[in-house]
Amino acid sequence: MKADYISETTDPSDFVLLSDYVPGVIQEIRYFSTYNFIGDRINGYEEPCAIITKEAARAMKSAADELMVKGYRIKVFDAYRPATAVKHFILWGIEDTDIRMKPYFYPDLEKQELFSTGYIAKQSSHSRGSTVDITLLDMKTGKEVDMGGPFDFFGELSHPDFKGITEEQFENRMLLQDVMVRNGFNTFPFEWWHFTLKDEPYPETYFEFPVSSEYLRK
């Protein structure tokens, strides 16, 4: 296991574009856009592409193949997240009084509570390169599967085992969870969309190179 401890590094040599391994993946990289809980493009996102470690990409390919047989494609909201982006989150939480996106993403919480309750981490597993935020797209309808709550909603509604949704919505969450777990990923108790490779290659390393396909080619 390549687990030499480096607190932060800019070396992208073991990272790949997820689309190179999962050609059918749909990408809506939210932190490249302004439609996220802050309302601005997040630092470090230079291109709307999903970057991930090779090991996680291989596992995602396996999960995507299984889901394709069931009639679904994977839609990814985020994958590798630079440490720079996490610092942007922290500074926003400490210094920024802007709460324009509160009605959409954290209506029942104050922004400072997003950190104290664990919804936003001061060190993110995404920065280790083997975590993805995903949902499913139904190939028959061409629409996202109804998971009973939107991506990046901060509240109990997003907990994978939340029972205050319909039976169909809960089954959709469990379908996604079961396939991802079977293909080597761990779940996260606060977010139905969040999965981390169990045997991630960099469990103690946080990367800070930008989200950019060009940077991978350097």
N, C-alpha and C. Protein backbone atom coordinates (compact mmCIF):
# COMPACT_ATOMS: atom_id res chain seq x y z
N MET A 1 0.84 -1.19 0.00
CA MET A 1 0.00 0.00 0.00
C MET A 1 0.88 1.24 0.00
N LYS A 2 0.53 2.21 -0.88
CA LYS A 2 1.33 3.43 -0.99
C LYS A 2 0.83 4.45 0.01
N ALA A 3 1.20 4.30 1.27
CA ALA A 3 0.62 5.12 2.32
C ALA A 3 1.65 5.97 3.04
N ASP A 4 2.74 6.29 2.37
CA ASP A 4 3.73 7.17 2.98
C ASP A 4 3.05 8.47 3.36
N TYR A 5 3.28 8.91 4.59
CA TYR A 5 2.56 10.09 5.06
C TYR A 5 3.13 11.36 4.47
N ILE A 6 2.28 12.08 3.75
CA ILE A 6 2.58 13.42 3.25
C ILE A 6 1.33 14.22 3.53
N SER A 7 1.42 15.26 4.32
CA SER A 7 0.21 15.96 4.71
C SER A 7 -0.50 16.55 3.49
N GLU A 8 0.26 17.17 2.60
CA GLU A 8 -0.32 17.69 1.37
C GLU A 8 0.73 17.58 0.28
N THR A 9 0.28 17.26 -0.93
CA THR A 9 1.19 17.12 -2.05
C THR A 9 0.50 17.52 -3.34
N THR A 10 1.27 17.90 -4.34
CA THR A 10 0.71 18.30 -5.62
C THR A 10 0.99 17.27 -6.71
N ASP A 11 1.45 16.09 -6.33
CA ASP A 11 1.80 15.05 -7.30
C ASP A 11 0.56 14.30 -7.78
N PRO A 12 0.18 14.42 -9.07
CA PRO A 12 -1.03 13.76 -9.57
C PRO A 12 -0.74 12.47 -10.34
N SER A 13 0.44 11.90 -10.17
CA SER A 13 0.88 10.83 -11.07
C SER A 13 0.01 9.58 -11.01
N ASP A 14 -0.65 9.31 -9.90
CA ASP A 14 -1.49 8.11 -9.79
C ASP A 14 -2.97 8.42 -9.95
N PHE A 15 -3.28 9.58 -10.53
CA PHE A 15 -4.67 9.98 -10.73
C PHE A 15 -5.03 9.93 -12.20
N VAL A 16 -6.32 9.72 -12.46
CA VAL A 16 -6.81 9.61 -13.83
C VAL A 16 -8.14 10.35 -13.95
N LEU A 17 -8.55 10.57 -15.19
CA LEU A 17 -9.90 11.07 -15.45
C LEU A 17 -10.87 9.90 -15.32
N LEU A 18 -11.91 10.06 -14.53
CA LEU A 18 -12.88 8.99 -14.35
C LEU A 18 -13.51 8.58 -15.68
N SER A 19 -13.72 9.54 -16.57
CA SER A 19 -14.36 9.25 -17.86
C SER A 19 -13.52 8.35 -18.74
N ASP A 20 -12.21 8.28 -18.50
CA ASP A 20 -11.36 7.36 -19.26
C ASP A 20 -11.61 5.91 -18.86
N TYR A 21 -12.06 5.70 -17.63
CA TYR A 21 -12.33 4.35 -17.13
C TYR A 21 -13.82 4.00 -17.22
N VAL A 22 -14.67 5.01 -17.08
CA VAL A 22 -16.12 4.81 -17.15
C VAL A 22 -16.65 5.75 -18.24
N PRO A 23 -16.57 5.34 -19.51
CA PRO A 23 -16.93 6.24 -20.61
C PRO A 23 -18.37 6.75 -20.55
N GLY A 24 -19.27 5.99 -19.95
CA GLY A 24 -20.67 6.40 -19.89
C GLY A 24 -21.03 7.28 -18.71
N VAL A 25 -20.04 7.66 -17.90
CA VAL A 25 -20.34 8.45 -16.71
C VAL A 25 -20.85 9.84 -17.11
N ILE A 26 -21.83 10.33 -16.36
CA ILE A 26 -22.36 11.67 -16.56
C ILE A 26 -21.74 12.56 -15.50
N GLN A 27 -21.25 13.72 -15.89
CA GLN A 27 -20.54 14.59 -14.96
C GLN A 27 -21.26 15.93 -14.78
N GLU A 28 -21.59 16.23 -13.55
CA GLU A 28 -22.12 17.55 -13.19
C GLU A 28 -21.32 18.02 -11.97
N ILE A 29 -20.13 18.50 -12.22
CA ILE A 29 -19.22 18.84 -11.13
C ILE A 29 -19.68 20.15 -10.49
N ARG A 30 -20.37 20.01 -9.39
CA ARG A 30 -21.07 21.14 -8.78
C ARG A 30 -20.13 22.25 -8.29
N TYR A 31 -18.93 21.87 -7.84
CA TYR A 31 -18.06 22.91 -7.28
C TYR A 31 -17.33 23.70 -8.36
N PHE A 32 -17.46 23.27 -9.60
CA PHE A 32 -17.00 24.10 -10.72
C PHE A 32 -18.04 25.15 -11.06
N SER A 33 -19.29 24.88 -10.71
CA SER A 33 -20.40 25.79 -11.00
C SER A 33 -20.67 26.69 -9.79
N THR A 34 -21.69 27.50 -9.92
CA THR A 34 -22.11 28.34 -8.79
C THR A 34 -23.30 27.73 -8.05
N TYR A 35 -23.80 26.59 -8.54
CA TYR A 35 -24.92 25.94 -7.87
C TYR A 35 -24.39 24.95 -6.84
N ASN A 36 -24.00 25.50 -5.70
CA ASN A 36 -23.51 24.71 -4.57
C ASN A 36 -23.81 25.48 -3.30
N PHE A 37 -23.47 24.94 -2.16
CA PHE A 37 -23.90 25.54 -0.89
C PHE A 37 -23.26 26.89 -0.60
N ILE A 38 -22.18 27.22 -1.29
CA ILE A 38 -21.56 28.54 -1.14
C ILE A 38 -22.14 29.53 -2.13
N GLY A 39 -22.34 29.08 -3.37
CA GLY A 39 -22.90 29.95 -4.39
C GLY A 39 -21.87 30.52 -5.34
N ASP A 40 -20.63 30.10 -5.23
CA ASP A 40 -19.54 30.53 -6.12
C ASP A 40 -18.78 29.30 -6.58
N ARG A 41 -18.02 29.47 -7.69
CA ARG A 41 -17.11 28.39 -8.07
C ARG A 41 -16.06 28.25 -6.98
N ILE A 42 -15.74 27.01 -6.63
CA ILE A 42 -14.85 26.75 -5.51
C ILE A 42 -13.39 26.73 -5.98
N ASN A 43 -12.52 27.29 -5.15
CA ASN A 43 -11.10 27.35 -5.46
C ASN A 43 -10.54 25.96 -5.77
N GLY A 44 -9.74 25.88 -6.82
CA GLY A 44 -9.12 24.62 -7.20
C GLY A 44 -9.84 23.86 -8.29
N TYR A 45 -11.06 24.27 -8.60
CA TYR A 45 -11.82 23.62 -9.67
C TYR A 45 -11.65 24.42 -10.95
N GLU A 46 -10.72 23.98 -11.78
CA GLU A 46 -10.41 24.69 -13.02
C GLU A 46 -11.12 24.11 -14.23
N GLU A 47 -11.72 22.95 -14.06
CA GLU A 47 -12.39 22.27 -15.17
C GLU A 47 -13.47 21.37 -14.59
N PRO A 48 -14.62 21.22 -15.27
CA PRO A 48 -15.70 20.37 -14.74
C PRO A 48 -15.49 18.90 -15.08
N CYS A 49 -14.45 18.32 -14.52
CA CYS A 49 -14.15 16.92 -14.78
C CYS A 49 -13.91 16.18 -13.46
N ALA A 50 -14.24 14.89 -13.46
CA ALA A 50 -14.02 14.06 -12.27
C ALA A 50 -12.66 13.39 -12.36
N ILE A 51 -11.81 13.66 -11.38
CA ILE A 51 -10.48 13.07 -11.28
C ILE A 51 -10.47 12.14 -10.07
N ILE A 52 -9.73 11.04 -10.17
CA ILE A 52 -9.79 10.02 -9.13
C ILE A 52 -8.53 9.16 -9.20
N THR A 53 -8.22 8.44 -8.13
CA THR A 53 -7.07 7.54 -8.18
C THR A 53 -7.38 6.37 -9.12
N LYS A 54 -6.33 5.78 -9.66
CA LYS A 54 -6.51 4.65 -10.58
C LYS A 54 -7.26 3.50 -9.91
N GLU A 55 -6.93 3.24 -8.64
CA GLU A 55 -7.58 2.14 -7.93
C GLU A 55 -9.08 2.38 -7.80
N ALA A 56 -9.47 3.60 -7.44
CA ALA A 56 -10.89 3.92 -7.30
C ALA A 56 -11.57 3.92 -8.66
N ALA A 57 -10.87 4.34 -9.70
CA ALA A 57 -11.44 4.35 -11.05
C ALA A 57 -11.77 2.93 -11.51
N ARG A 58 -10.89 1.98 -11.19
CA ARG A 58 -11.14 0.58 -11.57
C ARG A 58 -12.38 0.04 -10.84
N ALA A 59 -12.50 0.38 -9.56
CA ALA A 59 -13.66 -0.07 -8.80
C ALA A 59 -14.94 0.59 -9.30
N MET A 60 -14.85 1.86 -9.70
CA MET A 60 -16.00 2.56 -10.27
C MET A 60 -16.43 1.92 -11.59
N LYS A 61 -15.46 1.49 -12.38
CA LYS A 61 -15.77 0.81 -13.64
C LYS A 61 -16.57 -0.46 -13.37
N SER A 62 -16.16 -1.21 -12.37
CA SER A 62 -16.87 -2.43 -12.01
C SER A 62 -18.30 -2.13 -11.56
N ALA A 63 -18.46 -1.09 -10.72
CA ALA A 63 -19.79 -0.71 -10.25
C ALA A 63 -20.66 -0.22 -11.41
N ALA A 64 -20.06 0.57 -12.30
CA ALA A 64 -20.81 1.11 -13.44
C ALA A 64 -21.28 0.00 -14.36
N ASP A 65 -20.44 -1.00 -14.57
CA ASP A 65 -20.83 -2.14 -15.41
C ASP A 65 -22.02 -2.87 -14.82
N GLU A 66 -22.00 -3.07 -13.50
CA GLU A 66 -23.12 -3.75 -12.84
C GLU A 66 -24.39 -2.93 -12.95
N LEU A 67 -24.27 -1.63 -12.74
CA LEU A 67 -25.44 -0.76 -12.80
C LEU A 67 -26.00 -0.66 -14.22
N MET A 68 -25.11 -0.69 -15.22
CA MET A 68 -25.55 -0.63 -16.61
C MET A 68 -26.46 -1.80 -16.94
N VAL A 69 -26.12 -2.98 -16.43
CA VAL A 69 -26.95 -4.17 -16.65
C VAL A 69 -28.33 -3.97 -16.03
N LYS A 70 -28.39 -3.23 -14.93
CA LYS A 70 -29.66 -2.98 -14.24
C LYS A 70 -30.43 -1.81 -14.86
N GLY A 71 -29.82 -1.14 -15.85
CA GLY A 71 -30.52 -0.05 -16.54
C GLY A 71 -30.17 1.35 -16.05
N TYR A 72 -29.02 1.49 -15.39
CA TYR A 72 -28.65 2.79 -14.84
C TYR A 72 -27.25 3.22 -15.29
N ARG A 73 -27.06 4.52 -15.31
CA ARG A 73 -25.73 5.09 -15.48
C ARG A 73 -25.38 5.89 -14.24
N ILE A 74 -24.11 6.03 -13.99
CA ILE A 74 -23.64 6.80 -12.84
C ILE A 74 -23.54 8.28 -13.22
N LYS A 75 -24.02 9.12 -12.33
CA LYS A 75 -23.84 10.57 -12.47
C LYS A 75 -22.99 11.04 -11.30
N VAL A 76 -21.92 11.74 -11.59
CA VAL A 76 -20.98 12.15 -10.54
C VAL A 76 -21.04 13.66 -10.32
N PHE A 77 -21.16 14.04 -9.05
CA PHE A 77 -21.17 15.44 -8.66
C PHE A 77 -19.80 15.93 -8.22
N ASP A 78 -18.99 15.02 -7.66
CA ASP A 78 -17.66 15.39 -7.20
C ASP A 78 -16.84 14.12 -7.03
N ALA A 79 -15.54 14.25 -7.19
CA ALA A 79 -14.63 13.12 -6.96
C ALA A 79 -13.44 13.69 -6.19
N TYR A 80 -12.24 13.68 -6.78
CA TYR A 80 -11.11 14.32 -6.11
C TYR A 80 -11.42 15.79 -5.86
N ARG A 81 -11.14 16.23 -4.64
CA ARG A 81 -11.36 17.63 -4.24
C ARG A 81 -10.07 18.19 -3.67
N PRO A 82 -9.48 19.20 -4.27
CA PRO A 82 -8.21 19.72 -3.76
C PRO A 82 -8.33 20.23 -2.32
N ALA A 83 -7.24 20.11 -1.57
CA ALA A 83 -7.22 20.67 -0.22
C ALA A 83 -7.51 22.16 -0.27
N THR A 84 -7.15 22.80 -1.37
CA THR A 84 -7.44 24.23 -1.56
C THR A 84 -8.93 24.51 -1.49
N ALA A 85 -9.73 23.61 -2.04
CA ALA A 85 -11.18 23.78 -2.02
C ALA A 85 -11.73 23.65 -0.60
N VAL A 86 -11.18 22.71 0.17
CA VAL A 86 -11.62 22.53 1.55
C VAL A 86 -11.29 23.78 2.37
N LYS A 87 -10.15 24.38 2.10
CA LYS A 87 -9.80 25.64 2.78
C LYS A 87 -10.78 26.74 2.42
N HIS A 88 -11.24 26.75 1.18
CA HIS A 88 -12.27 27.70 0.75
C HIS A 88 -13.54 27.52 1.59
N PHE A 89 -13.95 26.25 1.80
CA PHE A 89 -15.12 25.97 2.63
C PHE A 89 -14.93 26.53 4.04
N ILE A 90 -13.75 26.28 4.61
CA ILE A 90 -13.49 26.69 5.99
C ILE A 90 -13.51 28.20 6.14
N LEU A 91 -12.85 28.90 5.21
CA LEU A 91 -12.83 30.36 5.27
C LEU A 91 -14.23 30.92 5.10
N TRP A 92 -15.02 30.32 4.23
CA TRP A 92 -16.41 30.74 4.05
C TRP A 92 -17.18 30.57 5.36
N GLY A 93 -16.94 29.49 6.05
CA GLY A 93 -17.64 29.23 7.30
C GLY A 93 -17.25 30.17 8.42
N ILE A 94 -15.98 30.59 8.43
CA ILE A 94 -15.47 31.43 9.51
C ILE A 94 -15.69 32.92 9.25
N GLU A 95 -15.39 33.34 8.02
CA GLU A 95 -15.30 34.78 7.75
C GLU A 95 -16.44 35.35 6.93
N ASP A 96 -17.05 34.52 6.10
CA ASP A 96 -18.04 35.03 5.14
C ASP A 96 -19.42 35.06 5.76
N THR A 97 -20.11 36.19 5.66
CA THR A 97 -21.47 36.31 6.21
C THR A 97 -22.54 35.96 5.18
N ASP A 98 -22.12 35.63 3.99
CA ASP A 98 -23.04 35.32 2.90
C ASP A 98 -23.78 34.00 3.17
N ILE A 99 -25.11 34.05 3.21
CA ILE A 99 -25.90 32.84 3.41
C ILE A 99 -26.97 32.72 2.31
N ARG A 100 -26.64 33.21 1.10
CA ARG A 100 -27.65 33.24 0.02
C ARG A 100 -28.14 31.86 -0.39
N MET A 101 -27.31 30.81 -0.17
CA MET A 101 -27.73 29.47 -0.58
C MET A 101 -28.36 28.66 0.56
N LYS A 102 -28.53 29.30 1.70
CA LYS A 102 -29.10 28.62 2.87
C LYS A 102 -30.47 27.98 2.59
N PRO A 103 -31.40 28.66 1.90
CA PRO A 103 -32.72 28.05 1.69
C PRO A 103 -32.66 26.74 0.90
N TYR A 104 -31.61 26.58 0.10
CA TYR A 104 -31.54 25.42 -0.79
C TYR A 104 -30.75 24.25 -0.20
N PHE A 105 -29.73 24.56 0.62
CA PHE A 105 -28.81 23.52 1.05
C PHE A 105 -28.76 23.29 2.57
N TYR A 106 -29.08 24.28 3.36
CA TYR A 106 -29.04 24.08 4.82
C TYR A 106 -30.12 24.94 5.52
N PRO A 107 -31.38 24.77 5.12
CA PRO A 107 -32.45 25.62 5.66
C PRO A 107 -32.67 25.49 7.16
N ASP A 108 -32.32 24.35 7.74
CA ASP A 108 -32.60 24.11 9.16
C ASP A 108 -31.37 24.26 10.05
N LEU A 109 -30.24 24.69 9.47
CA LEU A 109 -29.00 24.83 10.22
C LEU A 109 -28.38 26.20 9.99
N GLU A 110 -27.67 26.69 11.00
CA GLU A 110 -26.85 27.88 10.81
C GLU A 110 -25.54 27.43 10.16
N LYS A 111 -24.91 28.31 9.41
CA LYS A 111 -23.75 27.86 8.63
C LYS A 111 -22.63 27.34 9.52
N GLN A 112 -22.46 27.90 10.73
CA GLN A 112 -21.41 27.42 11.62
C GLN A 112 -21.68 25.99 12.07
N GLU A 113 -22.97 25.61 12.12
CA GLU A 113 -23.33 24.25 12.52
C GLU A 113 -22.94 23.21 11.48
N LEU A 114 -22.71 23.62 10.25
CA LEU A 114 -22.33 22.67 9.20
C LEU A 114 -21.02 21.99 9.55
N PHE A 115 -20.16 22.70 10.29
CA PHE A 115 -18.87 22.15 10.70
C PHE A 115 -18.99 21.39 12.02
N SER A 116 -19.69 21.97 12.99
CA SER A 116 -19.77 21.35 14.31
C SER A 116 -20.57 20.06 14.28
N THR A 117 -21.50 19.94 13.34
CA THR A 117 -22.30 18.72 13.24
C THR A 117 -21.68 17.68 12.33
N GLY A 118 -20.60 18.02 11.66
CA GLY A 118 -19.89 17.05 10.83
C GLY A 118 -20.30 16.99 9.38
N TYR A 119 -21.17 17.89 8.95
CA TYR A 119 -21.58 17.86 7.54
C TYR A 119 -20.46 18.34 6.61
N ILE A 120 -19.64 19.25 7.10
CA ILE A 120 -18.47 19.69 6.33
C ILE A 120 -17.23 19.43 7.18
N ALA A 121 -16.30 18.67 6.62
CA ALA A 121 -15.09 18.30 7.36
C ALA A 121 -13.97 19.28 7.09
N LYS A 122 -13.11 19.51 8.08
CA LYS A 122 -11.96 20.39 7.90
C LYS A 122 -10.83 19.70 7.13
N GLN A 123 -10.89 18.37 7.05
CA GLN A 123 -10.06 17.59 6.14
C GLN A 123 -10.99 16.59 5.47
N SER A 124 -11.08 16.66 4.16
CA SER A 124 -12.05 15.84 3.45
C SER A 124 -11.43 14.59 2.85
N SER A 125 -12.15 13.47 2.93
CA SER A 125 -11.69 12.25 2.29
C SER A 125 -11.57 12.44 0.78
N HIS A 126 -12.33 13.36 0.22
CA HIS A 126 -12.23 13.65 -1.21
C HIS A 126 -10.81 14.06 -1.61
N SER A 127 -10.11 14.73 -0.70
CA SER A 127 -8.76 15.21 -1.01
C SER A 127 -7.75 14.08 -1.04
N ARG A 128 -8.12 12.90 -0.58
CA ARG A 128 -7.25 11.73 -0.67
C ARG A 128 -7.41 11.01 -2.01
N GLY A 129 -8.41 11.41 -2.77
CA GLY A 129 -8.50 10.99 -4.16
C GLY A 129 -9.33 9.77 -4.47
N SER A 130 -9.92 9.12 -3.47
CA SER A 130 -10.65 7.88 -3.73
C SER A 130 -12.09 7.94 -3.23
N THR A 131 -12.64 9.13 -3.16
CA THR A 131 -14.02 9.34 -2.73
C THR A 131 -14.82 9.97 -3.87
N VAL A 132 -16.07 9.51 -4.02
CA VAL A 132 -16.95 10.08 -5.04
C VAL A 132 -18.30 10.44 -4.45
N ASP A 133 -18.92 11.46 -5.03
CA ASP A 133 -20.31 11.82 -4.73
C ASP A 133 -21.11 11.53 -5.99
N ILE A 134 -22.06 10.60 -5.91
CA ILE A 134 -22.73 10.14 -7.11
C ILE A 134 -24.22 9.91 -6.90
N THR A 135 -24.94 9.81 -8.00
CA THR A 135 -26.31 9.34 -8.00
C THR A 135 -26.49 8.48 -9.23
N LEU A 136 -27.73 8.08 -9.50
CA LEU A 136 -28.03 7.23 -10.64
C LEU A 136 -28.92 7.95 -11.64
N LEU A 137 -28.74 7.62 -12.92
CA LEU A 137 -29.62 8.09 -13.97
C LEU A 137 -30.29 6.88 -14.61
N ASP A 138 -31.60 6.94 -14.71
CA ASP A 138 -32.38 5.85 -15.30
C ASP A 138 -32.28 5.96 -16.82
N MET A 139 -31.74 4.94 -17.47
CA MET A 139 -31.54 5.01 -18.91
C MET A 139 -32.85 4.99 -19.69
N LYS A 140 -33.92 4.47 -19.10
CA LYS A 140 -35.22 4.46 -19.79
C LYS A 140 -35.82 5.86 -19.86
N THR A 141 -35.72 6.59 -18.77
CA THR A 141 -36.35 7.92 -18.71
C THR A 141 -35.39 9.05 -19.02
N GLY A 142 -34.09 8.78 -18.88
CA GLY A 142 -33.10 9.84 -19.06
C GLY A 142 -33.05 10.82 -17.91
N LYS A 143 -33.65 10.45 -16.79
CA LYS A 143 -33.72 11.34 -15.63
C LYS A 143 -33.00 10.74 -14.44
N GLU A 144 -32.61 11.61 -13.51
CA GLU A 144 -32.03 11.14 -12.27
C GLU A 144 -33.05 10.30 -11.50
N VAL A 145 -32.55 9.27 -10.85
CA VAL A 145 -33.39 8.46 -9.99
C VAL A 145 -33.77 9.27 -8.74
N ASP A 146 -34.98 9.13 -8.29
CA ASP A 146 -35.47 9.87 -7.12
C ASP A 146 -34.91 9.26 -5.84
N MET A 147 -34.00 10.00 -5.21
CA MET A 147 -33.37 9.54 -3.98
C MET A 147 -34.00 10.15 -2.73
N GLY A 148 -35.06 10.92 -2.92
CA GLY A 148 -35.76 11.48 -1.77
C GLY A 148 -35.14 12.73 -1.19
N GLY A 149 -34.08 13.21 -1.80
CA GLY A 149 -33.41 14.42 -1.33
C GLY A 149 -32.27 14.76 -2.26
N PRO A 150 -31.93 16.03 -2.40
CA PRO A 150 -30.91 16.45 -3.35
C PRO A 150 -29.48 16.29 -2.84
N PHE A 151 -28.54 16.27 -3.75
CA PHE A 151 -27.12 16.25 -3.42
C PHE A 151 -26.75 17.50 -2.61
N ASP A 152 -25.93 17.30 -1.61
CA ASP A 152 -25.38 18.36 -0.76
C ASP A 152 -26.41 19.07 0.10
N PHE A 153 -27.55 18.41 0.35
CA PHE A 153 -28.49 18.96 1.32
C PHE A 153 -28.01 18.55 2.70
N PHE A 154 -27.82 19.53 3.58
CA PHE A 154 -27.29 19.26 4.91
C PHE A 154 -28.44 19.11 5.90
N GLY A 155 -28.67 17.87 6.31
CA GLY A 155 -29.75 17.57 7.24
C GLY A 155 -30.03 16.08 7.26
N GLU A 156 -30.91 15.65 8.15
CA GLU A 156 -31.21 14.23 8.31
C GLU A 156 -31.78 13.61 7.05
N LEU A 157 -32.42 14.41 6.22
CA LEU A 157 -32.98 13.93 4.96
C LEU A 157 -31.91 13.23 4.11
N SER A 158 -30.66 13.63 4.26
CA SER A 158 -29.58 13.08 3.45
C SER A 158 -28.96 11.82 4.03
N HIS A 159 -29.27 11.49 5.28
CA HIS A 159 -28.71 10.28 5.87
C HIS A 159 -29.21 9.06 5.09
N PRO A 160 -28.32 8.16 4.69
CA PRO A 160 -28.74 7.02 3.86
C PRO A 160 -29.88 6.20 4.45
N ASP A 161 -29.93 6.09 5.78
CA ASP A 161 -30.96 5.25 6.41
C ASP A 161 -32.18 6.05 6.87
N PHE A 162 -32.31 7.30 6.41
CA PHE A 162 -33.44 8.13 6.80
C PHE A 162 -34.74 7.49 6.34
N LYS A 163 -35.69 7.34 7.26
CA LYS A 163 -36.93 6.62 6.96
C LYS A 163 -38.09 7.54 6.57
N GLY A 164 -37.89 8.85 6.62
CA GLY A 164 -38.99 9.77 6.31
C GLY A 164 -39.15 10.05 4.83
N ILE A 165 -38.86 9.06 4.00
CA ILE A 165 -39.03 9.17 2.56
C ILE A 165 -39.88 8.00 2.10
N THR A 166 -40.25 7.97 0.82
CA THR A 166 -41.09 6.88 0.35
C THR A 166 -40.30 5.58 0.26
N GLU A 167 -41.02 4.49 0.20
CA GLU A 167 -40.38 3.19 0.09
C GLU A 167 -39.53 3.10 -1.18
N GLU A 168 -40.05 3.65 -2.28
CA GLU A 168 -39.31 3.62 -3.55
C GLU A 168 -38.02 4.42 -3.45
N GLN A 169 -38.08 5.59 -2.83
CA GLN A 169 -36.89 6.43 -2.67
C GLN A 169 -35.84 5.72 -1.82
N PHE A 170 -36.30 5.08 -0.76
CA PHE A 170 -35.36 4.34 0.11
C PHE A 170 -34.74 3.17 -0.65
N GLU A 171 -35.53 2.47 -1.43
CA GLU A 171 -35.02 1.36 -2.22
C GLU A 171 -33.98 1.84 -3.24
N ASN A 172 -34.20 3.01 -3.81
CA ASN A 172 -33.23 3.57 -4.75
C ASN A 172 -31.89 3.84 -4.06
N ARG A 173 -31.96 4.37 -2.85
CA ARG A 173 -30.73 4.62 -2.09
C ARG A 173 -30.01 3.30 -1.80
N MET A 174 -30.78 2.30 -1.42
CA MET A 174 -30.18 1.02 -1.08
C MET A 174 -29.60 0.33 -2.31
N LEU A 175 -30.22 0.50 -3.46
CA LEU A 175 -29.66 -0.05 -4.70
C LEU A 175 -28.28 0.53 -4.96
N LEU A 176 -28.17 1.84 -4.90
CA LEU A 176 -26.88 2.50 -5.11
C LEU A 176 -25.87 2.05 -4.06
N GLN A 177 -26.29 2.03 -2.81
CA GLN A 177 -25.39 1.65 -1.72
C GLN A 177 -24.92 0.20 -1.88
N ASP A 178 -25.82 -0.71 -2.18
CA ASP A 178 -25.47 -2.12 -2.28
C ASP A 178 -24.45 -2.36 -3.39
N VAL A 179 -24.66 -1.73 -4.54
CA VAL A 179 -23.73 -1.92 -5.66
C VAL A 179 -22.36 -1.35 -5.32
N MET A 180 -22.33 -0.18 -4.72
CA MET A 180 -21.04 0.44 -4.41
C MET A 180 -20.28 -0.35 -3.35
N VAL A 181 -20.98 -0.83 -2.33
CA VAL A 181 -20.34 -1.62 -1.28
C VAL A 181 -19.82 -2.93 -1.86
N ARG A 182 -20.60 -3.55 -2.71
CA ARG A 182 -20.19 -4.81 -3.33
C ARG A 182 -18.94 -4.63 -4.19
N ASN A 183 -18.73 -3.43 -4.68
CA ASN A 183 -17.57 -3.17 -5.54
C ASN A 183 -16.44 -2.44 -4.82
N GLY A 184 -16.45 -2.52 -3.50
CA GLY A 184 -15.28 -2.10 -2.75
C GLY A 184 -15.32 -0.74 -2.09
N PHE A 185 -16.49 -0.15 -1.94
CA PHE A 185 -16.58 1.18 -1.35
C PHE A 185 -17.27 1.14 0.02
N ASN A 186 -16.92 2.09 0.86
CA ASN A 186 -17.59 2.31 2.14
C ASN A 186 -18.61 3.43 1.98
N THR A 187 -19.66 3.37 2.79
CA THR A 187 -20.67 4.43 2.80
C THR A 187 -20.30 5.49 3.83
N PHE A 188 -21.11 6.55 3.89
CA PHE A 188 -20.92 7.63 4.85
C PHE A 188 -22.26 7.90 5.52
N PRO A 189 -22.33 7.95 6.85
CA PRO A 189 -23.63 8.00 7.54
C PRO A 189 -24.44 9.27 7.33
N PHE A 190 -23.82 10.34 6.85
CA PHE A 190 -24.53 11.61 6.70
C PHE A 190 -25.02 11.87 5.27
N GLU A 191 -24.50 11.13 4.29
CA GLU A 191 -24.76 11.47 2.89
C GLU A 191 -25.00 10.21 2.05
N TRP A 192 -26.17 10.09 1.46
CA TRP A 192 -26.49 8.91 0.65
C TRP A 192 -25.64 8.83 -0.62
N TRP A 193 -25.06 9.93 -1.03
CA TRP A 193 -24.33 10.00 -2.31
C TRP A 193 -22.82 9.78 -2.17
N HIS A 194 -22.31 9.64 -0.98
CA HIS A 194 -20.87 9.70 -0.69
C HIS A 194 -20.29 8.29 -0.47
N PHE A 195 -19.24 7.95 -1.24
CA PHE A 195 -18.62 6.63 -1.13
C PHE A 195 -17.09 6.76 -1.22
N THR A 196 -16.40 6.03 -0.35
CA THR A 196 -14.93 6.04 -0.32
C THR A 196 -14.42 4.61 -0.51
N LEU A 197 -13.42 4.46 -1.37
CA LEU A 197 -12.83 3.14 -1.61
C LEU A 197 -12.28 2.58 -0.30
N LYS A 198 -12.65 1.34 0.03
CA LYS A 198 -12.23 0.73 1.29
C LYS A 198 -10.70 0.64 1.38
N ASP A 199 -10.08 0.19 0.33
CA ASP A 199 -8.63 0.05 0.31
C ASP A 199 -8.01 1.22 -0.44
N GLU A 200 -8.31 2.43 0.00
CA GLU A 200 -7.81 3.61 -0.72
C GLU A 200 -6.28 3.64 -0.64
N PRO A 201 -5.61 4.00 -1.72
CA PRO A 201 -4.15 3.96 -1.76
C PRO A 201 -3.46 5.04 -0.95
N TYR A 202 -4.17 6.13 -0.64
CA TYR A 202 -3.54 7.24 0.09
C TYR A 202 -4.38 7.61 1.31
N PRO A 203 -4.45 6.76 2.32
CA PRO A 203 -5.34 7.01 3.45
C PRO A 203 -4.91 8.16 4.35
N GLU A 204 -3.67 8.62 4.21
CA GLU A 204 -3.20 9.72 5.06
C GLU A 204 -2.61 10.87 4.26
N THR A 205 -2.88 10.91 2.97
CA THR A 205 -2.32 11.95 2.11
C THR A 205 -3.43 12.82 1.53
N TYR A 206 -3.27 14.12 1.65
CA TYR A 206 -4.25 15.07 1.14
C TYR A 206 -3.61 15.87 0.01
N PHE A 207 -4.19 15.76 -1.17
CA PHE A 207 -3.61 16.36 -2.36
C PHE A 207 -4.18 17.76 -2.60
N GLU A 208 -3.40 18.61 -3.25
CA GLU A 208 -3.86 19.97 -3.49
C GLU A 208 -3.67 20.45 -4.92
N PHE A 209 -3.36 19.54 -5.85
CA PHE A 209 -3.28 19.98 -7.24
C PHE A 209 -4.70 20.29 -7.75
N PRO A 210 -4.84 21.15 -8.76
CA PRO A 210 -6.17 21.57 -9.21
C PRO A 210 -6.93 20.48 -9.96
N VAL A 211 -8.24 20.63 -10.01
CA VAL A 211 -9.07 19.75 -10.83
C VAL A 211 -8.94 20.25 -12.27
N SER A 212 -8.09 19.58 -13.01
CA SER A 212 -7.78 20.01 -14.39
C SER A 212 -7.19 18.84 -15.15
N SER A 213 -7.76 18.52 -16.31
CA SER A 213 -7.22 17.45 -17.12
C SER A 213 -5.84 17.80 -17.64
N GLU A 214 -5.61 19.09 -17.86
CA GLU A 214 -4.31 19.54 -18.35
C GLU A 214 -3.22 19.29 -17.31
N TYR A 215 -3.57 19.48 -16.04
CA TYR A 215 -2.58 19.28 -14.98
C TYR A 215 -2.15 17.81 -14.90
N LEU A 216 -3.08 16.90 -15.19
CA LEU A 216 -2.74 15.49 -15.16
C LEU A 216 -1.72 15.13 -16.23
N ARG A 217 -1.68 15.90 -17.31
CA ARG A 217 -0.80 15.59 -18.43
C ARG A 217 0.59 16.19 -18.26
N LYS A 218 0.79 16.99 -17.21
CA LYS A 218 2.08 17.64 -17.02
C LYS A 218 3.15 16.62 -16.61
